[in-house]
Amino acid sequence: MAGLRVRITVAALLIAALSGCSHSGRQIQVSPAADPNLLAGCGPLEDQKLANAIDVTDMKQQSAPTVCNWTATNSGGGTVDITYAWLRGDTLAREVQIADQFGYQIERLVVKHFGGMYWRDPKDPGSCAVTVADTGTVTWWVQNRGHTAQPDPCAAAMNLMNATLSVDGV
């Protein structure tokens, strides 16, 4: 649960830094029809496609844009937290700074033709994220609540990223 709080804190810092800390106090639902950008809102993956990509069931969305969370059950019966964030105008350099600030280990990578990175929490082998950047950053974070490395959270996060990029036409 502490990992989820850290992820939410990191996401909140990103949102505050990018949006200027102002809000209206009400949550606005963004639908693909309202924003032609497929990455906006909770991303281009419908819940069933998201569940199929990482072999989970009983998915329940916990929040809405700009950072979206789901809780699901993996095939072994464990609980998995899944987080998606798309931040327009964000950069990979900024994400690296945040990872460093919170003590995450990073591994740079290229997904399709996008620069990106894995985020790993050295204190939690059951937690991993993949971020890629272009005109903003897209992040998928997967955390096994049992803090176990199986099923592999990095593989799950990468499956979600690949599915997202495929839907976006990449």
N, C-alpha and C. Protein backbone atom coordinates (compact mmCIF):
# COMPACT_ATOMS: atom_id res chain seq x y z
N MET A 1 0.82 -1.18 0.00
CA MET A 1 0.00 0.00 0.00
C MET A 1 0.87 1.26 0.00
N ALA A 2 2.07 1.16 0.65
CA ALA A 2 2.96 2.32 0.67
C ALA A 2 3.40 2.68 -0.74
N GLY A 3 3.59 1.65 -1.59
CA GLY A 3 3.99 1.91 -2.97
C GLY A 3 2.92 2.67 -3.73
N LEU A 4 1.66 2.34 -3.47
CA LEU A 4 0.57 3.05 -4.12
C LEU A 4 0.57 4.51 -3.68
N ARG A 5 0.81 4.76 -2.39
CA ARG A 5 0.85 6.14 -1.91
C ARG A 5 2.01 6.91 -2.56
N VAL A 6 3.16 6.24 -2.73
CA VAL A 6 4.29 6.90 -3.38
C VAL A 6 3.96 7.21 -4.83
N ARG A 7 3.31 6.26 -5.54
CA ARG A 7 2.94 6.49 -6.94
C ARG A 7 1.97 7.65 -7.05
N ILE A 8 0.99 7.70 -6.14
CA ILE A 8 0.03 8.79 -6.17
C ILE A 8 0.71 10.11 -5.87
N THR A 9 1.66 10.11 -4.92
CA THR A 9 2.41 11.32 -4.60
C THR A 9 3.21 11.78 -5.81
N VAL A 10 3.90 10.85 -6.48
CA VAL A 10 4.69 11.18 -7.67
C VAL A 10 3.77 11.74 -8.74
N ALA A 11 2.63 11.10 -8.96
CA ALA A 11 1.68 11.58 -9.96
C ALA A 11 1.17 12.97 -9.61
N ALA A 12 0.86 13.18 -8.34
CA ALA A 12 0.38 14.50 -7.91
C ALA A 12 1.43 15.57 -8.14
N LEU A 13 2.70 15.25 -7.85
CA LEU A 13 3.77 16.21 -8.11
C LEU A 13 3.88 16.54 -9.58
N LEU A 14 3.76 15.52 -10.43
CA LEU A 14 3.81 15.76 -11.87
C LEU A 14 2.66 16.65 -12.31
N ILE A 15 1.48 16.33 -11.84
CA ILE A 15 0.31 17.12 -12.24
C ILE A 15 0.44 18.55 -11.76
N ALA A 16 0.87 18.75 -10.53
CA ALA A 16 1.03 20.10 -9.99
C ALA A 16 2.07 20.87 -10.78
N ALA A 17 3.17 20.21 -11.11
CA ALA A 17 4.24 20.89 -11.84
C ALA A 17 3.80 21.28 -13.23
N LEU A 18 2.99 20.43 -13.85
CA LEU A 18 2.60 20.69 -15.23
C LEU A 18 1.35 21.54 -15.37
N SER A 19 0.52 21.57 -14.34
CA SER A 19 -0.73 22.30 -14.50
C SER A 19 -0.82 23.56 -13.66
N GLY A 20 0.18 23.85 -12.86
CA GLY A 20 0.19 25.10 -12.14
C GLY A 20 -0.57 25.09 -10.83
N CYS A 21 -0.95 23.93 -10.32
CA CYS A 21 -1.55 23.78 -8.99
C CYS A 21 -2.95 24.36 -8.85
N SER A 22 -3.59 24.77 -9.90
CA SER A 22 -4.94 25.28 -9.73
C SER A 22 -5.95 24.22 -10.12
N HIS A 23 -7.09 24.23 -9.44
CA HIS A 23 -8.15 23.28 -9.79
C HIS A 23 -9.48 23.87 -9.41
N SER A 24 -10.51 23.27 -9.99
CA SER A 24 -11.85 23.81 -9.76
C SER A 24 -12.58 23.08 -8.65
N GLY A 25 -12.00 21.99 -8.13
CA GLY A 25 -12.65 21.25 -7.07
C GLY A 25 -13.62 20.21 -7.58
N ARG A 26 -13.87 20.16 -8.87
CA ARG A 26 -14.73 19.12 -9.40
C ARG A 26 -13.96 18.33 -10.45
N GLN A 27 -14.30 17.08 -10.58
CA GLN A 27 -13.62 16.21 -11.51
C GLN A 27 -14.32 16.25 -12.85
N ILE A 28 -13.55 16.45 -13.89
CA ILE A 28 -14.12 16.52 -15.23
C ILE A 28 -13.76 15.24 -15.95
N GLN A 29 -14.73 14.54 -16.45
CA GLN A 29 -14.50 13.33 -17.23
C GLN A 29 -14.13 13.74 -18.65
N VAL A 30 -13.05 13.19 -19.15
CA VAL A 30 -12.63 13.46 -20.52
C VAL A 30 -12.87 12.20 -21.32
N SER A 31 -13.66 12.31 -22.35
CA SER A 31 -13.92 11.15 -23.19
C SER A 31 -13.16 11.31 -24.49
N PRO A 32 -12.90 10.21 -25.20
CA PRO A 32 -12.20 10.32 -26.48
C PRO A 32 -12.89 11.27 -27.44
N ALA A 33 -14.23 11.38 -27.38
CA ALA A 33 -14.93 12.30 -28.27
C ALA A 33 -14.62 13.75 -27.92
N ALA A 34 -14.39 14.04 -26.63
CA ALA A 34 -14.12 15.40 -26.21
C ALA A 34 -12.67 15.80 -26.50
N ASP A 35 -11.78 14.84 -26.55
CA ASP A 35 -10.37 15.11 -26.83
C ASP A 35 -9.91 14.12 -27.89
N PRO A 36 -9.60 14.60 -29.08
CA PRO A 36 -9.23 13.69 -30.15
C PRO A 36 -7.91 12.95 -29.89
N ASN A 37 -7.15 13.36 -28.89
CA ASN A 37 -5.91 12.69 -28.57
C ASN A 37 -6.24 11.37 -27.88
N LEU A 38 -5.85 10.26 -28.48
CA LEU A 38 -6.17 8.94 -27.94
C LEU A 38 -5.54 8.69 -26.57
N LEU A 39 -4.49 9.42 -26.23
CA LEU A 39 -3.81 9.19 -24.96
C LEU A 39 -4.47 9.92 -23.80
N ALA A 40 -5.33 10.87 -24.10
CA ALA A 40 -5.98 11.66 -23.05
C ALA A 40 -6.92 10.78 -22.23
N GLY A 41 -7.32 11.32 -21.11
CA GLY A 41 -8.22 10.59 -20.23
C GLY A 41 -7.51 9.39 -19.63
N CYS A 42 -8.17 8.27 -19.64
CA CYS A 42 -7.58 7.03 -19.10
C CYS A 42 -6.96 6.19 -20.20
N GLY A 43 -6.63 6.80 -21.31
CA GLY A 43 -5.92 6.11 -22.37
C GLY A 43 -6.83 5.40 -23.35
N PRO A 44 -6.21 4.82 -24.37
CA PRO A 44 -6.98 4.23 -25.46
C PRO A 44 -7.42 2.79 -25.21
N LEU A 45 -6.99 2.18 -24.12
CA LEU A 45 -7.33 0.78 -23.88
C LEU A 45 -8.63 0.64 -23.11
N GLU A 46 -9.57 -0.06 -23.69
CA GLU A 46 -10.80 -0.38 -22.98
C GLU A 46 -10.44 -1.36 -21.87
N ASP A 47 -11.26 -1.40 -20.81
CA ASP A 47 -10.94 -2.25 -19.66
C ASP A 47 -10.69 -3.69 -20.05
N GLN A 48 -11.47 -4.25 -20.97
CA GLN A 48 -11.28 -5.65 -21.33
C GLN A 48 -9.94 -5.87 -22.03
N LYS A 49 -9.55 -4.94 -22.90
CA LYS A 49 -8.26 -5.06 -23.59
C LYS A 49 -7.11 -4.91 -22.59
N LEU A 50 -7.26 -4.00 -21.65
CA LEU A 50 -6.27 -3.81 -20.59
C LEU A 50 -6.14 -5.10 -19.78
N ALA A 51 -7.26 -5.69 -19.37
CA ALA A 51 -7.25 -6.93 -18.59
C ALA A 51 -6.60 -8.06 -19.36
N ASN A 52 -6.93 -8.19 -20.65
CA ASN A 52 -6.35 -9.25 -21.47
C ASN A 52 -4.85 -9.08 -21.63
N ALA A 53 -4.37 -7.85 -21.73
CA ALA A 53 -2.94 -7.59 -21.95
C ALA A 53 -2.08 -8.10 -20.81
N ILE A 54 -2.63 -8.11 -19.59
CA ILE A 54 -1.80 -8.54 -18.45
C ILE A 54 -2.44 -9.67 -17.65
N ASP A 55 -3.45 -10.34 -18.23
CA ASP A 55 -4.05 -11.53 -17.65
C ASP A 55 -4.60 -11.29 -16.24
N VAL A 56 -5.51 -10.32 -16.14
CA VAL A 56 -6.17 -10.04 -14.85
C VAL A 56 -7.68 -10.08 -15.04
N THR A 57 -8.39 -10.19 -13.91
CA THR A 57 -9.86 -10.20 -13.93
C THR A 57 -10.36 -9.24 -12.86
N ASP A 58 -11.66 -9.12 -12.77
CA ASP A 58 -12.30 -8.31 -11.72
C ASP A 58 -11.72 -6.90 -11.63
N MET A 59 -11.49 -6.25 -12.77
CA MET A 59 -10.92 -4.91 -12.77
C MET A 59 -11.96 -3.88 -12.34
N LYS A 60 -11.50 -2.95 -11.51
CA LYS A 60 -12.35 -1.85 -11.08
C LYS A 60 -11.54 -0.57 -11.16
N GLN A 61 -12.05 0.40 -11.93
CA GLN A 61 -11.36 1.68 -12.04
C GLN A 61 -11.55 2.45 -10.75
N GLN A 62 -10.46 3.04 -10.25
CA GLN A 62 -10.48 3.74 -8.97
C GLN A 62 -10.50 5.25 -9.11
N SER A 63 -10.07 5.79 -10.24
CA SER A 63 -10.01 7.23 -10.40
C SER A 63 -10.13 7.58 -11.88
N ALA A 64 -10.07 8.85 -12.17
CA ALA A 64 -10.22 9.30 -13.54
C ALA A 64 -9.11 10.30 -13.87
N PRO A 65 -9.10 10.79 -15.11
CA PRO A 65 -8.00 11.59 -15.64
C PRO A 65 -7.52 12.65 -14.68
N THR A 66 -6.33 13.00 -14.69
CA THR A 66 -5.21 12.71 -15.56
C THR A 66 -4.46 11.44 -15.17
N VAL A 67 -4.55 11.01 -13.98
CA VAL A 67 -3.95 9.75 -13.55
C VAL A 67 -5.09 8.79 -13.25
N CYS A 68 -5.05 7.62 -13.87
CA CYS A 68 -6.12 6.64 -13.71
C CYS A 68 -5.58 5.39 -13.03
N ASN A 69 -6.35 4.85 -12.11
CA ASN A 69 -5.96 3.65 -11.37
C ASN A 69 -7.02 2.59 -11.51
N TRP A 70 -6.57 1.34 -11.58
CA TRP A 70 -7.46 0.19 -11.54
C TRP A 70 -6.91 -0.77 -10.51
N THR A 71 -7.79 -1.54 -9.93
CA THR A 71 -7.41 -2.66 -9.08
C THR A 71 -7.94 -3.90 -9.77
N ALA A 72 -7.12 -4.95 -9.82
CA ALA A 72 -7.51 -6.17 -10.52
C ALA A 72 -6.98 -7.38 -9.76
N THR A 73 -7.42 -8.54 -10.22
CA THR A 73 -6.94 -9.80 -9.66
C THR A 73 -6.16 -10.53 -10.74
N ASN A 74 -4.92 -10.96 -10.43
CA ASN A 74 -4.14 -11.68 -11.43
C ASN A 74 -4.53 -13.15 -11.44
N SER A 75 -3.99 -13.90 -12.40
CA SER A 75 -4.39 -15.29 -12.58
C SER A 75 -4.05 -16.16 -11.37
N GLY A 76 -3.10 -15.74 -10.55
CA GLY A 76 -2.76 -16.48 -9.34
C GLY A 76 -3.61 -16.08 -8.14
N GLY A 77 -4.54 -15.16 -8.33
CA GLY A 77 -5.42 -14.74 -7.25
C GLY A 77 -4.94 -13.53 -6.47
N GLY A 78 -3.77 -12.98 -6.84
CA GLY A 78 -3.24 -11.81 -6.15
C GLY A 78 -3.85 -10.51 -6.65
N THR A 79 -3.81 -9.49 -5.81
CA THR A 79 -4.34 -8.18 -6.19
C THR A 79 -3.24 -7.37 -6.86
N VAL A 80 -3.61 -6.69 -7.94
CA VAL A 80 -2.69 -5.88 -8.73
C VAL A 80 -3.25 -4.47 -8.84
N ASP A 81 -2.40 -3.48 -8.60
CA ASP A 81 -2.77 -2.09 -8.83
C ASP A 81 -2.15 -1.66 -10.16
N ILE A 82 -2.94 -1.01 -11.00
CA ILE A 82 -2.50 -0.58 -12.33
C ILE A 82 -2.75 0.92 -12.41
N THR A 83 -1.74 1.65 -12.86
CA THR A 83 -1.86 3.11 -12.97
C THR A 83 -1.45 3.53 -14.38
N TYR A 84 -2.23 4.44 -14.97
CA TYR A 84 -1.94 5.02 -16.28
C TYR A 84 -1.89 6.53 -16.12
N ALA A 85 -0.90 7.14 -16.75
CA ALA A 85 -0.83 8.61 -16.76
C ALA A 85 -0.32 9.07 -18.11
N TRP A 86 -0.97 10.07 -18.66
CA TRP A 86 -0.49 10.75 -19.85
C TRP A 86 -0.41 12.22 -19.51
N LEU A 87 0.79 12.76 -19.64
CA LEU A 87 1.02 14.16 -19.29
C LEU A 87 1.53 14.91 -20.51
N ARG A 88 0.65 15.70 -21.09
CA ARG A 88 0.99 16.48 -22.28
C ARG A 88 2.12 17.46 -21.94
N GLY A 89 3.12 17.52 -22.78
CA GLY A 89 4.21 18.46 -22.61
C GLY A 89 5.28 18.00 -21.63
N ASP A 90 5.08 16.90 -20.95
CA ASP A 90 6.09 16.39 -20.02
C ASP A 90 7.26 15.82 -20.81
N THR A 91 8.41 15.70 -20.19
CA THR A 91 9.60 15.19 -20.86
C THR A 91 10.18 14.01 -20.09
N LEU A 92 10.94 13.21 -20.79
CA LEU A 92 11.62 12.10 -20.16
C LEU A 92 12.64 12.60 -19.14
N ALA A 93 13.28 13.73 -19.44
CA ALA A 93 14.25 14.31 -18.49
C ALA A 93 13.57 14.64 -17.16
N ARG A 94 12.37 15.17 -17.22
CA ARG A 94 11.62 15.48 -15.99
C ARG A 94 11.27 14.21 -15.23
N GLU A 95 10.87 13.17 -15.95
CA GLU A 95 10.56 11.89 -15.31
C GLU A 95 11.79 11.29 -14.63
N VAL A 96 12.95 11.41 -15.27
CA VAL A 96 14.20 10.92 -14.68
C VAL A 96 14.49 11.67 -13.38
N GLN A 97 14.28 12.99 -13.39
CA GLN A 97 14.48 13.78 -12.16
C GLN A 97 13.58 13.30 -11.03
N ILE A 98 12.34 13.02 -11.35
CA ILE A 98 11.40 12.56 -10.33
C ILE A 98 11.80 11.18 -9.82
N ALA A 99 12.18 10.30 -10.73
CA ALA A 99 12.64 8.96 -10.32
C ALA A 99 13.83 9.07 -9.38
N ASP A 100 14.79 9.92 -9.74
CA ASP A 100 15.96 10.13 -8.88
C ASP A 100 15.56 10.67 -7.51
N GLN A 101 14.67 11.64 -7.51
CA GLN A 101 14.22 12.26 -6.27
C GLN A 101 13.61 11.25 -5.30
N PHE A 102 12.88 10.26 -5.84
CA PHE A 102 12.22 9.27 -4.99
C PHE A 102 13.00 7.97 -4.85
N GLY A 103 14.21 7.92 -5.40
CA GLY A 103 15.07 6.76 -5.21
C GLY A 103 14.75 5.55 -6.08
N TYR A 104 14.04 5.77 -7.19
CA TYR A 104 13.75 4.66 -8.10
C TYR A 104 14.97 4.36 -8.97
N GLN A 105 15.15 3.11 -9.32
CA GLN A 105 16.16 2.72 -10.29
C GLN A 105 15.52 2.85 -11.66
N ILE A 106 16.27 3.37 -12.61
CA ILE A 106 15.74 3.48 -13.97
C ILE A 106 16.62 2.73 -14.93
N GLU A 107 16.02 2.32 -16.00
CA GLU A 107 16.73 1.68 -17.11
C GLU A 107 16.16 2.29 -18.37
N ARG A 108 17.01 2.97 -19.11
CA ARG A 108 16.55 3.61 -20.34
C ARG A 108 16.28 2.56 -21.41
N LEU A 109 15.33 2.86 -22.28
CA LEU A 109 14.96 1.92 -23.33
C LEU A 109 14.32 2.67 -24.48
N VAL A 110 14.10 1.96 -25.56
CA VAL A 110 13.36 2.48 -26.70
C VAL A 110 12.22 1.51 -26.96
N VAL A 111 11.00 2.05 -27.00
CA VAL A 111 9.81 1.26 -27.30
C VAL A 111 9.27 1.76 -28.63
N LYS A 112 9.26 0.86 -29.61
CA LYS A 112 8.97 1.24 -30.99
C LYS A 112 10.03 2.31 -31.32
N HIS A 113 9.69 3.54 -31.59
CA HIS A 113 10.73 4.55 -31.84
C HIS A 113 10.75 5.64 -30.76
N PHE A 114 10.11 5.39 -29.63
CA PHE A 114 10.05 6.36 -28.55
C PHE A 114 11.10 6.08 -27.47
N GLY A 115 11.77 7.14 -27.03
CA GLY A 115 12.67 7.00 -25.88
C GLY A 115 11.84 6.80 -24.63
N GLY A 116 12.38 6.02 -23.72
CA GLY A 116 11.63 5.76 -22.50
C GLY A 116 12.50 5.19 -21.40
N MET A 117 11.81 4.67 -20.38
CA MET A 117 12.54 4.08 -19.26
C MET A 117 11.62 3.17 -18.46
N TYR A 118 12.27 2.21 -17.80
CA TYR A 118 11.62 1.43 -16.75
C TYR A 118 11.87 2.16 -15.45
N TRP A 119 10.90 2.15 -14.55
CA TRP A 119 11.06 2.62 -13.17
C TRP A 119 10.96 1.39 -12.29
N ARG A 120 11.91 1.20 -11.40
CA ARG A 120 11.84 0.09 -10.45
C ARG A 120 12.06 0.63 -9.05
N ASP A 121 11.22 0.17 -8.14
CA ASP A 121 11.38 0.52 -6.74
C ASP A 121 12.30 -0.53 -6.11
N PRO A 122 13.50 -0.14 -5.68
CA PRO A 122 14.44 -1.13 -5.13
C PRO A 122 13.92 -1.82 -3.87
N LYS A 123 12.91 -1.24 -3.25
CA LYS A 123 12.34 -1.83 -2.04
C LYS A 123 11.13 -2.72 -2.32
N ASP A 124 10.68 -2.76 -3.58
CA ASP A 124 9.48 -3.52 -3.91
C ASP A 124 9.64 -4.22 -5.26
N PRO A 125 10.04 -5.51 -5.25
CA PRO A 125 10.21 -6.24 -6.51
C PRO A 125 8.90 -6.47 -7.26
N GLY A 126 7.77 -6.19 -6.63
CA GLY A 126 6.47 -6.37 -7.27
C GLY A 126 5.95 -5.11 -7.93
N SER A 127 6.80 -4.09 -8.08
CA SER A 127 6.38 -2.80 -8.63
C SER A 127 7.28 -2.40 -9.78
N CYS A 128 6.69 -1.99 -10.88
CA CYS A 128 7.48 -1.55 -12.04
C CYS A 128 6.62 -0.67 -12.93
N ALA A 129 7.26 0.29 -13.60
CA ALA A 129 6.57 1.15 -14.55
C ALA A 129 7.38 1.26 -15.83
N VAL A 130 6.67 1.60 -16.90
CA VAL A 130 7.30 1.92 -18.17
C VAL A 130 6.77 3.29 -18.58
N THR A 131 7.68 4.20 -18.92
CA THR A 131 7.32 5.52 -19.43
C THR A 131 7.96 5.70 -20.79
N VAL A 132 7.20 6.24 -21.74
CA VAL A 132 7.76 6.66 -23.03
C VAL A 132 7.38 8.12 -23.25
N ALA A 133 8.18 8.79 -24.07
CA ALA A 133 7.97 10.22 -24.29
C ALA A 133 7.97 10.56 -25.77
N ASP A 134 7.13 11.53 -26.11
CA ASP A 134 7.10 12.13 -27.43
C ASP A 134 6.70 13.59 -27.23
N THR A 135 5.43 13.93 -27.39
CA THR A 135 4.95 15.29 -27.10
C THR A 135 4.45 15.38 -25.68
N GLY A 136 4.74 14.40 -24.91
CA GLY A 136 4.37 14.26 -23.51
C GLY A 136 4.86 12.90 -23.06
N THR A 137 4.46 12.49 -21.88
CA THR A 137 4.86 11.17 -21.41
C THR A 137 3.63 10.30 -21.14
N VAL A 138 3.78 9.03 -21.45
CA VAL A 138 2.78 8.02 -21.14
C VAL A 138 3.45 7.05 -20.18
N THR A 139 2.78 6.75 -19.08
CA THR A 139 3.32 5.82 -18.09
C THR A 139 2.28 4.77 -17.74
N TRP A 140 2.72 3.53 -17.70
CA TRP A 140 1.93 2.43 -17.14
C TRP A 140 2.70 1.89 -15.96
N TRP A 141 2.06 1.81 -14.81
CA TRP A 141 2.69 1.32 -13.58
C TRP A 141 1.89 0.12 -13.10
N VAL A 142 2.59 -0.97 -12.77
CA VAL A 142 1.94 -2.19 -12.28
C VAL A 142 2.57 -2.55 -10.95
N GLN A 143 1.72 -2.80 -9.94
CA GLN A 143 2.24 -3.19 -8.64
C GLN A 143 1.45 -4.39 -8.12
N ASN A 144 2.18 -5.48 -7.86
CA ASN A 144 1.60 -6.64 -7.19
C ASN A 144 1.51 -6.28 -5.71
N ARG A 145 0.31 -6.25 -5.17
CA ARG A 145 0.17 -5.86 -3.76
C ARG A 145 0.91 -6.79 -2.81
N GLY A 146 1.12 -8.03 -3.22
CA GLY A 146 1.88 -8.97 -2.39
C GLY A 146 3.37 -8.70 -2.43
N HIS A 147 3.80 -7.70 -3.20
CA HIS A 147 5.19 -7.28 -3.35
C HIS A 147 6.08 -8.40 -3.89
N THR A 148 5.49 -9.33 -4.63
CA THR A 148 6.25 -10.41 -5.23
C THR A 148 6.58 -10.06 -6.67
N ALA A 149 7.70 -10.60 -7.13
CA ALA A 149 8.16 -10.30 -8.49
C ALA A 149 7.40 -11.10 -9.55
N GLN A 150 6.54 -11.99 -9.15
CA GLN A 150 5.76 -12.79 -10.09
C GLN A 150 4.28 -12.62 -9.82
N PRO A 151 3.44 -12.43 -10.81
CA PRO A 151 3.83 -12.24 -12.19
C PRO A 151 4.65 -10.95 -12.38
N ASP A 152 5.51 -10.97 -13.36
CA ASP A 152 6.48 -9.90 -13.60
C ASP A 152 5.79 -8.57 -13.88
N PRO A 153 5.92 -7.59 -12.95
CA PRO A 153 5.25 -6.30 -13.16
C PRO A 153 5.84 -5.51 -14.33
N CYS A 154 7.13 -5.69 -14.61
CA CYS A 154 7.74 -4.97 -15.74
C CYS A 154 7.20 -5.50 -17.06
N ALA A 155 7.05 -6.81 -17.17
CA ALA A 155 6.49 -7.39 -18.39
C ALA A 155 5.05 -6.92 -18.57
N ALA A 156 4.29 -6.87 -17.48
CA ALA A 156 2.90 -6.41 -17.56
C ALA A 156 2.84 -4.96 -18.00
N ALA A 157 3.68 -4.10 -17.41
CA ALA A 157 3.71 -2.68 -17.78
C ALA A 157 4.09 -2.52 -19.26
N MET A 158 5.06 -3.31 -19.72
CA MET A 158 5.48 -3.23 -21.12
C MET A 158 4.36 -3.73 -22.04
N ASN A 159 3.64 -4.78 -21.65
CA ASN A 159 2.50 -5.24 -22.46
C ASN A 159 1.46 -4.14 -22.62
N LEU A 160 1.19 -3.43 -21.54
CA LEU A 160 0.23 -2.32 -21.59
C LEU A 160 0.73 -1.20 -22.49
N MET A 161 2.03 -0.88 -22.38
CA MET A 161 2.60 0.17 -23.23
C MET A 161 2.52 -0.22 -24.70
N ASN A 162 2.90 -1.45 -25.03
CA ASN A 162 2.83 -1.90 -26.41
C ASN A 162 1.40 -1.88 -26.94
N ALA A 163 0.46 -2.29 -26.11
CA ALA A 163 -0.95 -2.26 -26.53
C ALA A 163 -1.40 -0.81 -26.75
N THR A 164 -0.97 0.10 -25.89
CA THR A 164 -1.33 1.52 -26.02
C THR A 164 -0.76 2.10 -27.30
N LEU A 165 0.51 1.83 -27.57
CA LEU A 165 1.13 2.36 -28.78
C LEU A 165 0.52 1.75 -30.04
N SER A 166 0.10 0.50 -29.97
CA SER A 166 -0.55 -0.14 -31.12
C SER A 166 -1.89 0.52 -31.42
N VAL A 167 -2.67 0.82 -30.38
CA VAL A 167 -3.96 1.48 -30.57
C VAL A 167 -3.76 2.88 -31.12
N ASP A 168 -2.68 3.53 -30.69
CA ASP A 168 -2.39 4.89 -31.14
C ASP A 168 -1.80 4.91 -32.54
N GLY A 169 -1.71 3.74 -33.18
CA GLY A 169 -1.26 3.68 -34.57
C GLY A 169 0.24 3.59 -34.75
N VAL A 170 0.97 3.28 -33.70
CA VAL A 170 2.43 3.19 -33.80
C VAL A 170 2.83 1.76 -34.02
